[in-house]
PDB file of N, CA and C in Angstrom:
ATOM      1  N   MET A   1     -31.661  31.439  24.096  1.00  0.00           N
ATOM      2  CA  MET A   1     -30.645  31.981  24.959  1.00  0.00           C
ATOM      3  C   MET A   1     -31.255  33.084  25.808  1.00  0.00           C
ATOM      4  N   ALA A   2     -31.074  33.034  27.080  1.00  0.00           N
ATOM      5  CA  ALA A   2     -31.629  34.025  27.992  1.00  0.00           C
ATOM      6  C   ALA A   2     -30.534  34.974  28.461  1.00  0.00           C
ATOM      7  N   PHE A   3     -30.914  36.208  28.670  1.00  0.00           N
ATOM      8  CA  PHE A   3     -29.971  37.167  29.214  1.00  0.00           C
ATOM      9  C   PHE A   3     -29.785  36.907  30.696  1.00  0.00           C
ATOM     10  N   GLN A   4     -28.596  37.156  31.186  1.00  0.00           N
ATOM     11  CA  GLN A   4     -28.296  36.940  32.596  1.00  0.00           C
ATOM     12  C   GLN A   4     -28.426  38.228  33.406  1.00  0.00           C
ATOM     13  N   ILE A   5     -29.063  39.227  32.841  1.00  0.00           N
ATOM     14  CA  ILE A   5     -29.217  40.516  33.497  1.00  0.00           C
ATOM     15  C   ILE A   5     -30.653  40.657  33.973  1.00  0.00           C
ATOM     16  N   GLU A   6     -30.815  40.997  35.234  1.00  0.00           N
ATOM     17  CA  GLU A   6     -32.151  41.256  35.772  1.00  0.00           C
ATOM     18  C   GLU A   6     -32.214  42.702  36.219  1.00  0.00           C
ATOM     19  N   LEU A   7     -33.096  43.461  35.607  1.00  0.00           N
ATOM     20  CA  LEU A   7     -33.282  44.864  35.950  1.00  0.00           C
ATOM     21  C   LEU A   7     -34.683  45.059  36.486  1.00  0.00           C
ATOM     22  N   ASP A   8     -34.779  45.809  37.564  1.00  0.00           N
ATOM     23  CA  ASP A   8     -36.061  46.047  38.221  1.00  0.00           C
ATOM     24  C   ASP A   8     -36.719  47.287  37.634  1.00  0.00           C
ATOM     25  N   LEU A   9     -37.908  47.128  37.048  1.00  0.00           N
ATOM     26  CA  LEU A   9     -38.627  48.247  36.444  1.00  0.00           C
ATOM     27  C   LEU A   9     -39.657  48.872  37.384  1.00  0.00           C
ATOM     28  N   SER A  10     -39.776  48.361  38.592  1.00  0.00           N
ATOM     29  CA  SER A  10     -40.839  48.828  39.485  1.00  0.00           C
ATOM     30  C   SER A  10     -40.549  50.189  40.112  1.00  0.00           C
ATOM     31  N   ASN A  11     -39.314  50.663  40.057  1.00  0.00           N
ATOM     32  CA  ASN A  11     -38.966  51.928  40.702  1.00  0.00           C
ATOM     33  C   ASN A  11     -38.876  53.101  39.744  1.00  0.00           C
ATOM     34  N   GLY A  12     -39.314  52.927  38.534  1.00  0.00           N
ATOM     35  CA  GLY A  12     -39.340  54.024  37.578  1.00  0.00           C
ATOM     36  C   GLY A  12     -38.198  53.977  36.582  1.00  0.00           C
ATOM     37  N   PHE A  13     -38.321  54.811  35.566  1.00  0.00           N
ATOM     38  CA  PHE A  13     -37.371  54.811  34.459  1.00  0.00           C
ATOM     39  C   PHE A  13     -35.988  55.287  34.881  1.00  0.00           C
ATOM     40  N   ASN A  14     -35.914  56.315  35.728  1.00  0.00           N
ATOM     41  CA  ASN A  14     -34.615  56.829  36.160  1.00  0.00           C
ATOM     42  C   ASN A  14     -33.820  55.770  36.899  1.00  0.00           C
ATOM     43  N   ARG A  15     -34.470  55.058  37.805  1.00  0.00           N
ATOM     44  CA  ARG A  15     -33.801  53.993  38.553  1.00  0.00           C
ATOM     45  C   ARG A  15     -33.376  52.863  37.611  1.00  0.00           C
ATOM     46  N   PHE A  16     -34.204  52.554  36.640  1.00  0.00           N
ATOM     47  CA  PHE A  16     -33.882  51.537  35.650  1.00  0.00           C
ATOM     48  C   PHE A  16     -32.604  51.908  34.900  1.00  0.00           C
ATOM     49  N   CYS A  17     -32.503  53.169  34.479  1.00  0.00           N
ATOM     50  CA  CYS A  17     -31.307  53.612  33.754  1.00  0.00           C
ATOM     51  C   CYS A  17     -30.066  53.528  34.630  1.00  0.00           C
ATOM     52  N   LEU A  18     -30.197  53.916  35.883  1.00  0.00           N
ATOM     53  CA  LEU A  18     -29.056  53.828  36.794  1.00  0.00           C
ATOM     54  C   LEU A  18     -28.622  52.386  37.015  1.00  0.00           C
ATOM     55  N   GLN A  19     -29.572  51.468  37.074  1.00  0.00           N
ATOM     56  CA  GLN A  19     -29.236  50.060  37.237  1.00  0.00           C
ATOM     57  C   GLN A  19     -28.557  49.503  35.996  1.00  0.00           C
ATOM     58  N   ALA A  20     -28.948  49.973  34.829  1.00  0.00           N
ATOM     59  CA  ALA A  20     -28.430  49.430  33.573  1.00  0.00           C
ATOM     60  C   ALA A  20     -27.057  49.986  33.204  1.00  0.00           C
ATOM     61  N   MET A  21     -26.630  51.074  33.807  1.00  0.00           N
ATOM     62  CA  MET A  21     -25.388  51.719  33.418  1.00  0.00           C
ATOM     63  C   MET A  21     -24.144  50.831  33.543  1.00  0.00           C
ATOM     64  N   PRO A  22     -23.980  50.023  34.573  1.00  0.00           N
ATOM     65  CA  PRO A  22     -22.742  49.243  34.681  1.00  0.00           C
ATOM     66  C   PRO A  22     -22.620  48.111  33.657  1.00  0.00           C
ATOM     67  N   PHE A  23     -23.690  47.728  33.007  1.00  0.00           N
ATOM     68  CA  PHE A  23     -23.649  46.604  32.082  1.00  0.00           C
ATOM     69  C   PHE A  23     -23.106  47.038  30.732  1.00  0.00           C
ATOM     70  N   ARG A  24     -22.349  46.170  30.116  1.00  0.00           N
ATOM     71  CA  ARG A  24     -21.801  46.419  28.780  1.00  0.00           C
ATOM     72  C   ARG A  24     -22.596  45.595  27.775  1.00  0.00           C
ATOM     73  N   PHE A  25     -23.097  46.270  26.750  1.00  0.00           N
ATOM     74  CA  PHE A  25     -23.861  45.600  25.724  1.00  0.00           C
ATOM     75  C   PHE A  25     -22.981  45.376  24.499  1.00  0.00           C
ATOM     76  N   SER A  26     -23.368  44.446  23.676  1.00  0.00           N
ATOM     77  CA  SER A  26     -22.647  44.214  22.428  1.00  0.00           C
ATOM     78  C   SER A  26     -22.829  45.442  21.533  1.00  0.00           C
ATOM     79  N   PRO A  27     -21.924  45.662  20.582  1.00  0.00           N
ATOM     80  CA  PRO A  27     -22.070  46.825  19.694  1.00  0.00           C
ATOM     81  C   PRO A  27     -23.393  46.838  18.935  1.00  0.00           C
ATOM     82  N   GLN A  28     -23.888  45.654  18.564  1.00  0.00           N
ATOM     83  CA  GLN A  28     -25.154  45.600  17.835  1.00  0.00           C
ATOM     84  C   GLN A  28     -26.322  46.032  18.730  1.00  0.00           C
ATOM     85  N   LEU A  29     -26.331  45.553  19.965  1.00  0.00           N
ATOM     86  CA  LEU A  29     -27.406  45.906  20.889  1.00  0.00           C
ATOM     87  C   LEU A  29     -27.324  47.375  21.284  1.00  0.00           C
ATOM     88  N   LEU A  30     -26.120  47.872  21.466  1.00  0.00           N
ATOM     89  CA  LEU A  30     -25.949  49.284  21.781  1.00  0.00           C
ATOM     90  C   LEU A  30     -26.464  50.157  20.645  1.00  0.00           C
ATOM     91  N   SER A  31     -26.177  49.746  19.418  1.00  0.00           N
ATOM     92  CA  SER A  31     -26.669  50.475  18.252  1.00  0.00           C
ATOM     93  C   SER A  31     -28.196  50.454  18.194  1.00  0.00           C
ATOM     94  N   LEU A  32     -28.780  49.311  18.503  1.00  0.00           N
ATOM     95  CA  LEU A  32     -30.238  49.197  18.515  1.00  0.00           C
ATOM     96  C   LEU A  32     -30.854  50.130  19.549  1.00  0.00           C
ATOM     97  N   TRP A  33     -30.281  50.208  20.742  1.00  0.00           N
ATOM     98  CA  TRP A  33     -30.795  51.103  21.779  1.00  0.00           C
ATOM     99  C   TRP A  33     -30.674  52.564  21.360  1.00  0.00           C
ATOM    100  N   ARG A  34     -29.574  52.896  20.709  1.00  0.00           N
ATOM    101  CA  ARG A  34     -29.405  54.277  20.236  1.00  0.00           C
ATOM    102  C   ARG A  34     -30.460  54.637  19.203  1.00  0.00           C
ATOM    103  N   VAL A  35     -30.705  53.735  18.270  1.00  0.00           N
ATOM    104  CA  VAL A  35     -31.723  53.980  17.245  1.00  0.00           C
ATOM    105  C   VAL A  35     -33.101  54.127  17.892  1.00  0.00           C
ATOM    106  N   ALA A  36     -33.405  53.281  18.869  1.00  0.00           N
ATOM    107  CA  ALA A  36     -34.699  53.362  19.550  1.00  0.00           C
ATOM    108  C   ALA A  36     -34.843  54.704  20.270  1.00  0.00           C
ATOM    109  N   PHE A  37     -33.784  55.164  20.931  1.00  0.00           N
ATOM    110  CA  PHE A  37     -33.830  56.437  21.651  1.00  0.00           C
ATOM    111  C   PHE A  37     -34.028  57.599  20.685  1.00  0.00           C
ATOM    112  N   VAL A  38     -33.254  57.619  19.610  1.00  0.00           N
ATOM    113  CA  VAL A  38     -33.361  58.703  18.623  1.00  0.00           C
ATOM    114  C   VAL A  38     -34.737  58.692  17.965  1.00  0.00           C
ATOM    115  N   THR A  39     -35.280  57.512  17.690  1.00  0.00           N
ATOM    116  CA  THR A  39     -36.601  57.410  17.084  1.00  0.00           C
ATOM    117  C   THR A  39     -37.673  57.979  18.015  1.00  0.00           C
ATOM    118  N   CYS A  40     -37.576  57.680  19.294  1.00  0.00           N
ATOM    119  CA  CYS A  40     -38.550  58.224  20.259  1.00  0.00           C
ATOM    120  C   CYS A  40     -38.461  59.746  20.340  1.00  0.00           C
ATOM    121  N   ILE A  41     -37.247  60.283  20.363  1.00  0.00           N
ATOM    122  CA  ILE A  41     -37.077  61.739  20.392  1.00  0.00           C
ATOM    123  C   ILE A  41     -37.643  62.361  19.119  1.00  0.00           C
ATOM    124  N   TRP A  42     -37.362  61.726  17.969  1.00  0.00           N
ATOM    125  CA  TRP A  42     -37.888  62.229  16.695  1.00  0.00           C
ATOM    126  C   TRP A  42     -39.415  62.219  16.690  1.00  0.00           C
ATOM    127  N   LEU A  43     -40.005  61.151  17.237  1.00  0.00           N
ATOM    128  CA  LEU A  43     -41.465  61.054  17.272  1.00  0.00           C
ATOM    129  C   LEU A  43     -42.064  62.166  18.133  1.00  0.00           C
ATOM    130  N   ILE A  44     -41.480  62.396  19.294  1.00  0.00           N
ATOM    131  CA  ILE A  44     -41.965  63.476  20.168  1.00  0.00           C
ATOM    132  C   ILE A  44     -41.848  64.820  19.450  1.00  0.00           C
ATOM    133  N   TRP A  45     -40.719  65.046  18.785  1.00  0.00           N
ATOM    134  CA  TRP A  45     -40.508  66.296  18.056  1.00  0.00           C
ATOM    135  C   TRP A  45     -41.533  66.460  16.928  1.00  0.00           C
ATOM    136  N   SER A  46     -41.779  65.391  16.182  1.00  0.00           N
ATOM    137  CA  SER A  46     -42.739  65.453  15.078  1.00  0.00           C
ATOM    138  C   SER A  46     -44.150  65.750  15.572  1.00  0.00           C
ATOM    139  N   ILE A  47     -44.549  65.113  16.651  1.00  0.00           N
ATOM    140  CA  ILE A  47     -45.886  65.343  17.216  1.00  0.00           C
ATOM    141  C   ILE A  47     -46.012  66.775  17.706  1.00  0.00           C
ATOM    142  N   ARG A  48     -44.966  67.268  18.334  1.00  0.00           N
ATOM    143  CA  ARG A  48     -44.976  68.648  18.821  1.00  0.00           C
ATOM    144  C   ARG A  48     -45.106  69.613  17.647  1.00  0.00           C
ATOM    145  N   ASN A  49     -44.364  69.363  16.570  1.00  0.00           N
ATOM    146  CA  ASN A  49     -44.435  70.246  15.403  1.00  0.00           C
ATOM    147  C   ASN A  49     -45.811  70.221  14.752  1.00  0.00           C
ATOM    148  N   ARG A  50     -46.416  69.060  14.670  1.00  0.00           N
ATOM    149  CA  ARG A  50     -47.779  68.986  14.107  1.00  0.00           C
ATOM    150  C   ARG A  50     -48.750  69.808  14.939  1.00  0.00           C
ATOM    151  N   ASP A  51     -48.589  69.734  16.252  1.00  0.00           N
ATOM    152  CA  ASP A  51     -49.481  70.480  17.146  1.00  0.00           C
ATOM    153  C   ASP A  51     -49.250  71.983  17.012  1.00  0.00           C
ATOM    154  N   VAL A  52     -47.997  72.397  17.009  1.00  0.00           N
ATOM    155  CA  VAL A  52     -47.682  73.827  16.981  1.00  0.00           C
ATOM    156  C   VAL A  52     -47.952  74.454  15.613  1.00  0.00           C
ATOM    157  N   PHE A  53     -47.491  73.812  14.551  1.00  0.00           N
ATOM    158  CA  PHE A  53     -47.541  74.444  13.230  1.00  0.00           C
ATOM    159  C   PHE A  53     -48.781  74.108  12.416  1.00  0.00           C
ATOM    160  N   GLU A  54     -49.353  72.933  12.630  1.00  0.00           N
ATOM    161  CA  GLU A  54     -50.516  72.529  11.845  1.00  0.00           C
ATOM    162  C   GLU A  54     -51.796  72.498  12.677  1.00  0.00           C
ATOM    163  N   GLY A  55     -51.686  72.605  13.980  1.00  0.00           N
ATOM    164  CA  GLY A  55     -52.850  72.576  14.848  1.00  0.00           C
ATOM    165  C   GLY A  55     -53.473  71.198  14.993  1.00  0.00           C
ATOM    166  N   VAL A  56     -52.739  70.159  14.620  1.00  0.00           N
ATOM    167  CA  VAL A  56     -53.245  68.781  14.700  1.00  0.00           C
ATOM    168  C   VAL A  56     -52.848  68.189  16.040  1.00  0.00           C
ATOM    169  N   GLN A  57     -53.839  67.823  16.836  1.00  0.00           N
ATOM    170  CA  GLN A  57     -53.545  67.208  18.126  1.00  0.00           C
ATOM    171  C   GLN A  57     -53.638  65.697  17.992  1.00  0.00           C
ATOM    172  N   ILE A  58     -52.606  65.006  18.428  1.00  0.00           N
ATOM    173  CA  ILE A  58     -52.523  63.566  18.308  1.00  0.00           C
ATOM    174  C   ILE A  58     -52.633  62.945  19.704  1.00  0.00           C
ATOM    175  N   SER A  59     -53.454  61.910  19.813  1.00  0.00           N
ATOM    176  CA  SER A  59     -53.615  61.265  21.107  1.00  0.00           C
ATOM    177  C   SER A  59     -52.383  60.421  21.438  1.00  0.00           C
ATOM    178  N   THR A  60     -52.222  60.111  22.696  1.00  0.00           N
ATOM    179  CA  THR A  60     -51.111  59.279  23.153  1.00  0.00           C
ATOM    180  C   THR A  60     -51.160  57.904  22.510  1.00  0.00           C
ATOM    181  N   THR A  61     -52.346  57.353  22.383  1.00  0.00           N
ATOM    182  CA  THR A  61     -52.509  56.045  21.770  1.00  0.00           C
ATOM    183  C   THR A  61     -52.081  56.051  20.303  1.00  0.00           C
ATOM    184  N   SER A  62     -52.448  57.103  19.592  1.00  0.00           N
ATOM    185  CA  SER A  62     -52.065  57.225  18.195  1.00  0.00           C
ATOM    186  C   SER A  62     -50.559  57.402  18.056  1.00  0.00           C
ATOM    187  N   ALA A  63     -49.954  58.176  18.950  1.00  0.00           N
ATOM    188  CA  ALA A  63     -48.502  58.385  18.916  1.00  0.00           C
ATOM    189  C   ALA A  63     -47.765  57.081  19.189  1.00  0.00           C
ATOM    190  N   ALA A  64     -48.234  56.306  20.161  1.00  0.00           N
ATOM    191  CA  ALA A  64     -47.607  55.034  20.481  1.00  0.00           C
ATOM    192  C   ALA A  64     -47.767  54.036  19.337  1.00  0.00           C
ATOM    193  N   ALA A  65     -48.884  54.097  18.650  1.00  0.00           N
ATOM    194  CA  ALA A  65     -49.122  53.196  17.528  1.00  0.00           C
ATOM    195  C   ALA A  65     -48.215  53.493  16.352  1.00  0.00           C
ATOM    196  N   SER A  66     -47.797  54.738  16.225  1.00  0.00           N
ATOM    197  CA  SER A  66     -46.926  55.105  15.107  1.00  0.00           C
ATOM    198  C   SER A  66     -45.501  54.631  15.298  1.00  0.00           C
ATOM    199  N   LEU A  67     -45.170  54.184  16.502  1.00  0.00           N
ATOM    200  CA  LEU A  67     -43.829  53.610  16.718  1.00  0.00           C
ATOM    201  C   LEU A  67     -43.782  52.284  16.047  1.00  0.00           C
TER     202      LEU A  67
END
C-alpha cells in the first residue's frame, strides 16, 4: 500500500513541516511521530549533558548511530 501524500524535501525541514501540517495522520502514525520527535530531543539532551558534565565529546556519526 502506498501513501497518497507527496511532500517535497528539497526546500528544507521548515518547508517540509509547513507542507505536512494540513494532512491528518492515523492515531498510530501520529504516536510514532511523537515518539520519534521526543527521542531525538532526548538524544540531543543526553549528548549535551555528556559533553558538559563528563567532558565526553561525541561525533555526529556516533550520535546518529545511537538512534
